[in-house]
Amino acid sequence: MGELHEATIQWVGEAGAASLFIAAAQAFECETNCVREGEEATLTVKIQNVNLQDLRDSVDALLIQFAEIEEGL
């Protein structure tokens, strides 16, 4: 069995904005889990890759997307 590297990102914020973050994560083919409680949502994004550098590149790109979304809110 080969290696598998994994990173997890968690975002907490306004429930109405969660769909924007979910869409960004799904574009990177990440596993997402969103729990909504009233006006707040907790989004957990799991990214996996067999190549560590590719994982790092994906995490960096996703964090840039998340930052751009937050700037637009």
PDB file of N, CA and C in Angstrom:
ATOM      1  N   MET A   1       0.843  -1.182   0.000  1.00  0.00           N
ATOM      2  CA  MET A   1       0.000   0.000   0.000  1.00  0.00           C
ATOM      3  C   MET A   1       0.881   1.236   0.000  1.00  0.00           C
ATOM      4  N   GLY A   2       0.547   2.235  -0.858  1.00  0.00           N
ATOM      5  CA  GLY A   2       1.310   3.468  -0.949  1.00  0.00           C
ATOM      6  C   GLY A   2       0.910   4.456   0.127  1.00  0.00           C
ATOM      7  N   GLU A   3       1.655   5.528   0.172  1.00  0.00           N
ATOM      8  CA  GLU A   3       1.369   6.583   1.140  1.00  0.00           C
ATOM      9  C   GLU A   3       0.177   7.407   0.694  1.00  0.00           C
ATOM     10  N   LEU A   4      -0.528   7.949   1.668  1.00  0.00           N
ATOM     11  CA  LEU A   4      -1.613   8.873   1.407  1.00  0.00           C
ATOM     12  C   LEU A   4      -1.481  10.000   2.415  1.00  0.00           C
ATOM     13  N   HIS A   5      -1.360  11.213   1.909  1.00  0.00           N
ATOM     14  CA  HIS A   5      -1.227  12.379   2.769  1.00  0.00           C
ATOM     15  C   HIS A   5      -2.574  13.082   2.833  1.00  0.00           C
ATOM     16  N   GLU A   6      -2.855  13.677   3.994  1.00  0.00           N
ATOM     17  CA  GLU A   6      -4.160  14.294   4.201  1.00  0.00           C
ATOM     18  C   GLU A   6      -4.019  15.594   4.984  1.00  0.00           C
ATOM     19  N   ALA A   7      -4.822  16.578   4.616  1.00  0.00           N
ATOM     20  CA  ALA A   7      -4.902  17.835   5.350  1.00  0.00           C
ATOM     21  C   ALA A   7      -6.372  18.139   5.586  1.00  0.00           C
ATOM     22  N   THR A   8      -6.659  18.754   6.717  1.00  0.00           N
ATOM     23  CA  THR A   8      -8.027  19.125   7.048  1.00  0.00           C
ATOM     24  C   THR A   8      -8.069  20.619   7.335  1.00  0.00           C
ATOM     25  N   ILE A   9      -9.036  21.282   6.729  1.00  0.00           N
ATOM     26  CA  ILE A   9      -9.266  22.709   6.953  1.00  0.00           C
ATOM     27  C   ILE A   9     -10.657  22.848   7.535  1.00  0.00           C
ATOM     28  N   GLN A  10     -10.786  23.677   8.567  1.00  0.00           N
ATOM     29  CA  GLN A  10     -12.102  23.902   9.160  1.00  0.00           C
ATOM     30  C   GLN A  10     -12.415  25.394   9.097  1.00  0.00           C
ATOM     31  N   TRP A  11     -13.620  25.700   8.668  1.00  0.00           N
ATOM     32  CA  TRP A  11     -14.096  27.081   8.571  1.00  0.00           C
ATOM     33  C   TRP A  11     -15.376  27.185   9.379  1.00  0.00           C
ATOM     34  N   VAL A  12     -15.504  28.264  10.134  1.00  0.00           N
ATOM     35  CA  VAL A  12     -16.726  28.541  10.895  1.00  0.00           C
ATOM     36  C   VAL A  12     -17.173  29.949  10.543  1.00  0.00           C
ATOM     37  N   GLY A  13     -18.439  30.079  10.181  1.00  0.00           N
ATOM     38  CA  GLY A  13     -18.934  31.400   9.814  1.00  0.00           C
ATOM     39  C   GLY A  13     -20.422  31.384   9.562  1.00  0.00           C
ATOM     40  N   GLU A  14     -20.874  32.435   8.896  1.00  0.00           N
ATOM     41  CA  GLU A  14     -22.290  32.618   8.603  1.00  0.00           C
ATOM     42  C   GLU A  14     -22.803  31.490   7.708  1.00  0.00           C
ATOM     43  N   ALA A  15     -23.905  30.891   8.120  1.00  0.00           N
ATOM     44  CA  ALA A  15     -24.451  29.738   7.399  1.00  0.00           C
ATOM     45  C   ALA A  15     -24.750  30.054   5.938  1.00  0.00           C
ATOM     46  N   GLY A  16     -25.180  31.274   5.665  1.00  0.00           N
ATOM     47  CA  GLY A  16     -25.508  31.655   4.293  1.00  0.00           C
ATOM     48  C   GLY A  16     -24.313  31.651   3.358  1.00  0.00           C
ATOM     49  N   ALA A  17     -23.127  31.824   3.893  1.00  0.00           N
ATOM     50  CA  ALA A  17     -21.911  31.859   3.076  1.00  0.00           C
ATOM     51  C   ALA A  17     -21.303  30.476   2.887  1.00  0.00           C
ATOM     52  N   ALA A  18     -21.735  29.507   3.635  1.00  0.00           N
ATOM     53  CA  ALA A  18     -21.128  28.176   3.596  1.00  0.00           C
ATOM     54  C   ALA A  18     -21.148  27.569   2.196  1.00  0.00           C
ATOM     55  N   SER A  19     -22.209  27.817   1.438  1.00  0.00           N
ATOM     56  CA  SER A  19     -22.306  27.216   0.100  1.00  0.00           C
ATOM     57  C   SER A  19     -21.182  27.693  -0.815  1.00  0.00           C
ATOM     58  N   LEU A  20     -20.707  28.924  -0.626  1.00  0.00           N
ATOM     59  CA  LEU A  20     -19.596  29.433  -1.436  1.00  0.00           C
ATOM     60  C   LEU A  20     -18.313  28.660  -1.151  1.00  0.00           C
ATOM     61  N   PHE A  21     -18.074  28.388   0.126  1.00  0.00           N
ATOM     62  CA  PHE A  21     -16.879  27.646   0.522  1.00  0.00           C
ATOM     63  C   PHE A  21     -16.974  26.178   0.097  1.00  0.00           C
ATOM     64  N   ILE A  22     -18.164  25.621   0.185  1.00  0.00           N
ATOM     65  CA  ILE A  22     -18.371  24.230  -0.247  1.00  0.00           C
ATOM     66  C   ILE A  22     -18.096  24.100  -1.740  1.00  0.00           C
ATOM     67  N   ALA A  23     -18.606  25.038  -2.531  1.00  0.00           N
ATOM     68  CA  ALA A  23     -18.386  25.001  -3.979  1.00  0.00           C
ATOM     69  C   ALA A  23     -16.897  25.101  -4.310  1.00  0.00           C
ATOM     70  N   ALA A  24     -16.174  25.955  -3.596  1.00  0.00           N
ATOM     71  CA  ALA A  24     -14.733  26.086  -3.831  1.00  0.00           C
ATOM     72  C   ALA A  24     -14.017  24.777  -3.508  1.00  0.00           C
ATOM     73  N   ALA A  25     -14.385  24.161  -2.400  1.00  0.00           N
ATOM     74  CA  ALA A  25     -13.746  22.911  -1.991  1.00  0.00           C
ATOM     75  C   ALA A  25     -14.062  21.788  -2.970  1.00  0.00           C
ATOM     76  N   GLN A  26     -15.288  21.740  -3.447  1.00  0.00           N
ATOM     77  CA  GLN A  26     -15.667  20.681  -4.378  1.00  0.00           C
ATOM     78  C   GLN A  26     -14.961  20.823  -5.718  1.00  0.00           C
ATOM     79  N   ALA A  27     -14.585  22.036  -6.081  1.00  0.00           N
ATOM     80  CA  ALA A  27     -13.827  22.243  -7.321  1.00  0.00           C
ATOM     81  C   ALA A  27     -12.448  21.587  -7.227  1.00  0.00           C
ATOM     82  N   PHE A  28     -11.956  21.414  -6.000  1.00  0.00           N
ATOM     83  CA  PHE A  28     -10.681  20.745  -5.777  1.00  0.00           C
ATOM     84  C   PHE A  28     -10.882  19.263  -5.452  1.00  0.00           C
ATOM     85  N   GLU A  29     -12.107  18.791  -5.614  1.00  0.00           N
ATOM     86  CA  GLU A  29     -12.468  17.391  -5.357  1.00  0.00           C
ATOM     87  C   GLU A  29     -12.163  16.973  -3.924  1.00  0.00           C
ATOM     88  N   CYS A  30     -12.473  17.880  -3.007  1.00  0.00           N
ATOM     89  CA  CYS A  30     -12.268  17.611  -1.582  1.00  0.00           C
ATOM     90  C   CYS A  30     -13.532  17.021  -0.972  1.00  0.00           C
ATOM     91  N   GLU A  31     -13.349  16.301   0.100  1.00  0.00           N
ATOM     92  CA  GLU A  31     -14.476  15.799   0.876  1.00  0.00           C
ATOM     93  C   GLU A  31     -14.917  16.922   1.813  1.00  0.00           C
ATOM     94  N   THR A  32     -16.215  17.219   1.836  1.00  0.00           N
ATOM     95  CA  THR A  32     -16.715  18.297   2.689  1.00  0.00           C
ATOM     96  C   THR A  32     -17.797  17.776   3.626  1.00  0.00           C
ATOM     97  N   ASN A  33     -17.857  18.413   4.792  1.00  0.00           N
ATOM     98  CA  ASN A  33     -18.913  18.124   5.756  1.00  0.00           C
ATOM     99  C   ASN A  33     -19.305  19.455   6.387  1.00  0.00           C
ATOM    100  N   CYS A  34     -20.581  19.789   6.293  1.00  0.00           N
ATOM    101  CA  CYS A  34     -21.059  21.062   6.814  1.00  0.00           C
ATOM    102  C   CYS A  34     -22.145  20.814   7.854  1.00  0.00           C
ATOM    103  N   VAL A  35     -21.956  21.402   9.021  1.00  0.00           N
ATOM    104  CA  VAL A  35     -22.937  21.304  10.097  1.00  0.00           C
ATOM    105  C   VAL A  35     -23.446  22.708  10.369  1.00  0.00           C
ATOM    106  N   ARG A  36     -24.757  22.891  10.242  1.00  0.00           N
ATOM    107  CA  ARG A  36     -25.367  24.209  10.455  1.00  0.00           C
ATOM    108  C   ARG A  36     -26.123  24.208  11.773  1.00  0.00           C
ATOM    109  N   GLU A  37     -25.877  25.256  12.540  1.00  0.00           N
ATOM    110  CA  GLU A  37     -26.590  25.452  13.799  1.00  0.00           C
ATOM    111  C   GLU A  37     -27.081  26.886  13.821  1.00  0.00           C
ATOM    112  N   GLY A  38     -28.353  27.057  13.518  1.00  0.00           N
ATOM    113  CA  GLY A  38     -28.917  28.402  13.461  1.00  0.00           C
ATOM    114  C   GLY A  38     -28.278  29.199  12.342  1.00  0.00           C
ATOM    115  N   GLU A  39     -27.707  30.331  12.693  1.00  0.00           N
ATOM    116  CA  GLU A  39     -27.087  31.221  11.707  1.00  0.00           C
ATOM    117  C   GLU A  39     -25.612  30.904  11.465  1.00  0.00           C
ATOM    118  N   GLU A  40     -25.081  29.889  12.135  1.00  0.00           N
ATOM    119  CA  GLU A  40     -23.666  29.567  12.020  1.00  0.00           C
ATOM    120  C   GLU A  40     -23.467  28.193  11.386  1.00  0.00           C
ATOM    121  N   ALA A  41     -22.408  28.078  10.609  1.00  0.00           N
ATOM    122  CA  ALA A  41     -22.062  26.801   9.977  1.00  0.00           C
ATOM    123  C   ALA A  41     -20.602  26.473  10.275  1.00  0.00           C
ATOM    124  N   THR A  42     -20.345  25.186  10.434  1.00  0.00           N
ATOM    125  CA  THR A  42     -18.979  24.695  10.578  1.00  0.00           C
ATOM    126  C   THR A  42     -18.718  23.769   9.397  1.00  0.00           C
ATOM    127  N   LEU A  43     -17.745  24.146   8.594  1.00  0.00           N
ATOM    128  CA  LEU A  43     -17.399  23.383   7.406  1.00  0.00           C
ATOM    129  C   LEU A  43     -16.042  22.728   7.623  1.00  0.00           C
ATOM    130  N   THR A  44     -15.985  21.425   7.403  1.00  0.00           N
ATOM    131  CA  THR A  44     -14.731  20.688   7.475  1.00  0.00           C
ATOM    132  C   THR A  44     -14.412  20.178   6.075  1.00  0.00           C
ATOM    133  N   VAL A  45     -13.212  20.475   5.616  1.00  0.00           N
ATOM    134  CA  VAL A  45     -12.766  20.088   4.279  1.00  0.00           C
ATOM    135  C   VAL A  45     -11.560  19.169   4.421  1.00  0.00           C
ATOM    136  N   LYS A  46     -11.643  18.003   3.813  1.00  0.00           N
ATOM    137  CA  LYS A  46     -10.542  17.036   3.858  1.00  0.00           C
ATOM    138  C   LYS A  46      -9.942  16.916   2.459  1.00  0.00           C
ATOM    139  N   ILE A  47      -8.626  17.117   2.380  1.00  0.00           N
ATOM    140  CA  ILE A  47      -7.899  17.041   1.117  1.00  0.00           C
ATOM    141  C   ILE A  47      -6.906  15.895   1.228  1.00  0.00           C
ATOM    142  N   GLN A  48      -6.874  15.043   0.207  1.00  0.00           N
ATOM    143  CA  GLN A  48      -5.959  13.911   0.208  1.00  0.00           C
ATOM    144  C   GLN A  48      -5.193  13.853  -1.105  1.00  0.00           C
ATOM    145  N   ASN A  49      -3.947  13.369  -1.011  1.00  0.00           N
ATOM    146  CA  ASN A  49      -3.148  13.169  -2.211  1.00  0.00           C
ATOM    147  C   ASN A  49      -2.019  12.203  -1.882  1.00  0.00           C
ATOM    148  N   VAL A  50      -1.610  11.420  -2.846  1.00  0.00           N
ATOM    149  CA  VAL A  50      -0.508  10.488  -2.626  1.00  0.00           C
ATOM    150  C   VAL A  50       0.833  11.207  -2.681  1.00  0.00           C
ATOM    151  N   ASN A  51       0.860  12.379  -3.288  1.00  0.00           N
ATOM    152  CA  ASN A  51       2.086  13.162  -3.408  1.00  0.00           C
ATOM    153  C   ASN A  51       2.009  14.346  -2.452  1.00  0.00           C
ATOM    154  N   LEU A  52       2.972  14.450  -1.548  1.00  0.00           N
ATOM    155  CA  LEU A  52       2.944  15.496  -0.530  1.00  0.00           C
ATOM    156  C   LEU A  52       3.011  16.895  -1.134  1.00  0.00           C
ATOM    157  N   GLN A  53       3.835  17.096  -2.146  1.00  0.00           N
ATOM    158  CA  GLN A  53       3.932  18.423  -2.758  1.00  0.00           C
ATOM    159  C   GLN A  53       2.626  18.804  -3.439  1.00  0.00           C
ATOM    160  N   ASP A  54       1.989  17.858  -4.106  1.00  0.00           N
ATOM    161  CA  ASP A  54       0.696  18.130  -4.733  1.00  0.00           C
ATOM    162  C   ASP A  54      -0.355  18.481  -3.684  1.00  0.00           C
ATOM    163  N   LEU A  55      -0.295  17.810  -2.544  1.00  0.00           N
ATOM    164  CA  LEU A  55      -1.214  18.132  -1.452  1.00  0.00           C
ATOM    165  C   LEU A  55      -0.983  19.568  -0.984  1.00  0.00           C
ATOM    166  N   ARG A  56       0.260  19.920  -0.780  1.00  0.00           N
ATOM    167  CA  ARG A  56       0.579  21.282  -0.336  1.00  0.00           C
ATOM    168  C   ARG A  56       0.091  22.307  -1.350  1.00  0.00           C
ATOM    169  N   ASP A  57       0.287  22.034  -2.634  1.00  0.00           N
ATOM    170  CA  ASP A  57      -0.166  22.952  -3.682  1.00  0.00           C
ATOM    171  C   ASP A  57      -1.680  23.100  -3.664  1.00  0.00           C
ATOM    172  N   SER A  58      -2.391  22.002  -3.469  1.00  0.00           N
ATOM    173  CA  SER A  58      -3.852  22.045  -3.411  1.00  0.00           C
ATOM    174  C   SER A  58      -4.340  22.821  -2.191  1.00  0.00           C
ATOM    175  N   VAL A  59      -3.715  22.593  -1.053  1.00  0.00           N
ATOM    176  CA  VAL A  59      -4.095  23.306   0.166  1.00  0.00           C
ATOM    177  C   VAL A  59      -3.864  24.803  -0.019  1.00  0.00           C
ATOM    178  N   ASP A  60      -2.706  25.174  -0.556  1.00  0.00           N
ATOM    179  CA  ASP A  60      -2.412  26.590  -0.794  1.00  0.00           C
ATOM    180  C   ASP A  60      -3.444  27.219  -1.725  1.00  0.00           C
ATOM    181  N   ALA A  61      -3.766  26.537  -2.811  1.00  0.00           N
ATOM    182  CA  ALA A  61      -4.729  27.068  -3.778  1.00  0.00           C
ATOM    183  C   ALA A  61      -6.119  27.202  -3.156  1.00  0.00           C
ATOM    184  N   LEU A  62      -6.500  26.222  -2.353  1.00  0.00           N
ATOM    185  CA  LEU A  62      -7.812  26.281  -1.711  1.00  0.00           C
ATOM    186  C   LEU A  62      -7.866  27.414  -0.687  1.00  0.00           C
ATOM    187  N   LEU A  63      -6.807  27.595   0.074  1.00  0.00           N
ATOM    188  CA  LEU A  63      -6.779  28.693   1.044  1.00  0.00           C
ATOM    189  C   LEU A  63      -6.852  30.051   0.351  1.00  0.00           C
ATOM    190  N   ILE A  64      -6.237  30.174  -0.818  1.00  0.00           N
ATOM    191  CA  ILE A  64      -6.348  31.414  -1.593  1.00  0.00           C
ATOM    192  C   ILE A  64      -7.795  31.642  -2.004  1.00  0.00           C
ATOM    193  N   GLN A  65      -8.467  30.575  -2.458  1.00  0.00           N
ATOM    194  CA  GLN A  65      -9.884  30.685  -2.842  1.00  0.00           C
ATOM    195  C   GLN A  65     -10.733  31.098  -1.636  1.00  0.00           C
ATOM    196  N   PHE A  66     -10.476  30.476  -0.484  1.00  0.00           N
ATOM    197  CA  PHE A  66     -11.225  30.815   0.725  1.00  0.00           C
ATOM    198  C   PHE A  66     -11.004  32.280   1.110  1.00  0.00           C
ATOM    199  N   ALA A  67      -9.780  32.761   0.999  1.00  0.00           N
ATOM    200  CA  ALA A  67      -9.480  34.162   1.317  1.00  0.00           C
ATOM    201  C   ALA A  67     -10.216  35.114   0.379  1.00  0.00           C
ATOM    202  N   GLU A  68     -10.271  34.769  -0.889  1.00  0.00           N
ATOM    203  CA  GLU A  68     -10.983  35.601  -1.866  1.00  0.00           C
ATOM    204  C   GLU A  68     -12.482  35.627  -1.567  1.00  0.00           C
ATOM    205  N   ILE A  69     -13.028  34.496  -1.156  1.00  0.00           N
ATOM    206  CA  ILE A  69     -14.445  34.446  -0.802  1.00  0.00           C
ATOM    207  C   ILE A  69     -14.698  35.324   0.411  1.00  0.00           C
ATOM    208  N   GLU A  70     -13.844  35.213   1.439  1.00  0.00           N
ATOM    209  CA  GLU A  70     -14.024  36.022   2.645  1.00  0.00           C
ATOM    210  C   GLU A  70     -13.928  37.510   2.345  1.00  0.00           C
ATOM    211  N   GLU A  71     -13.030  37.900   1.450  1.00  0.00           N
ATOM    212  CA  GLU A  71     -12.902  39.299   1.077  1.00  0.00           C
ATOM    213  C   GLU A  71     -14.168  39.818   0.409  1.00  0.00           C
ATOM    214  N   GLY A  72     -14.858  38.925  -0.305  1.00  0.00           N
ATOM    215  CA  GLY A  72     -16.077  39.322  -1.009  1.00  0.00           C
ATOM    216  C   GLY A  72     -17.321  39.363  -0.160  1.00  0.00           C
ATOM    217  N   LEU A  73     -17.232  38.867   1.068  1.00  0.00           N
ATOM    218  CA  LEU A  73     -18.414  38.839   1.946  1.00  0.00           C
ATOM    219  C   LEU A  73     -18.676  40.198   2.584  1.00  0.00           C
TER     220      LEU A  73
END
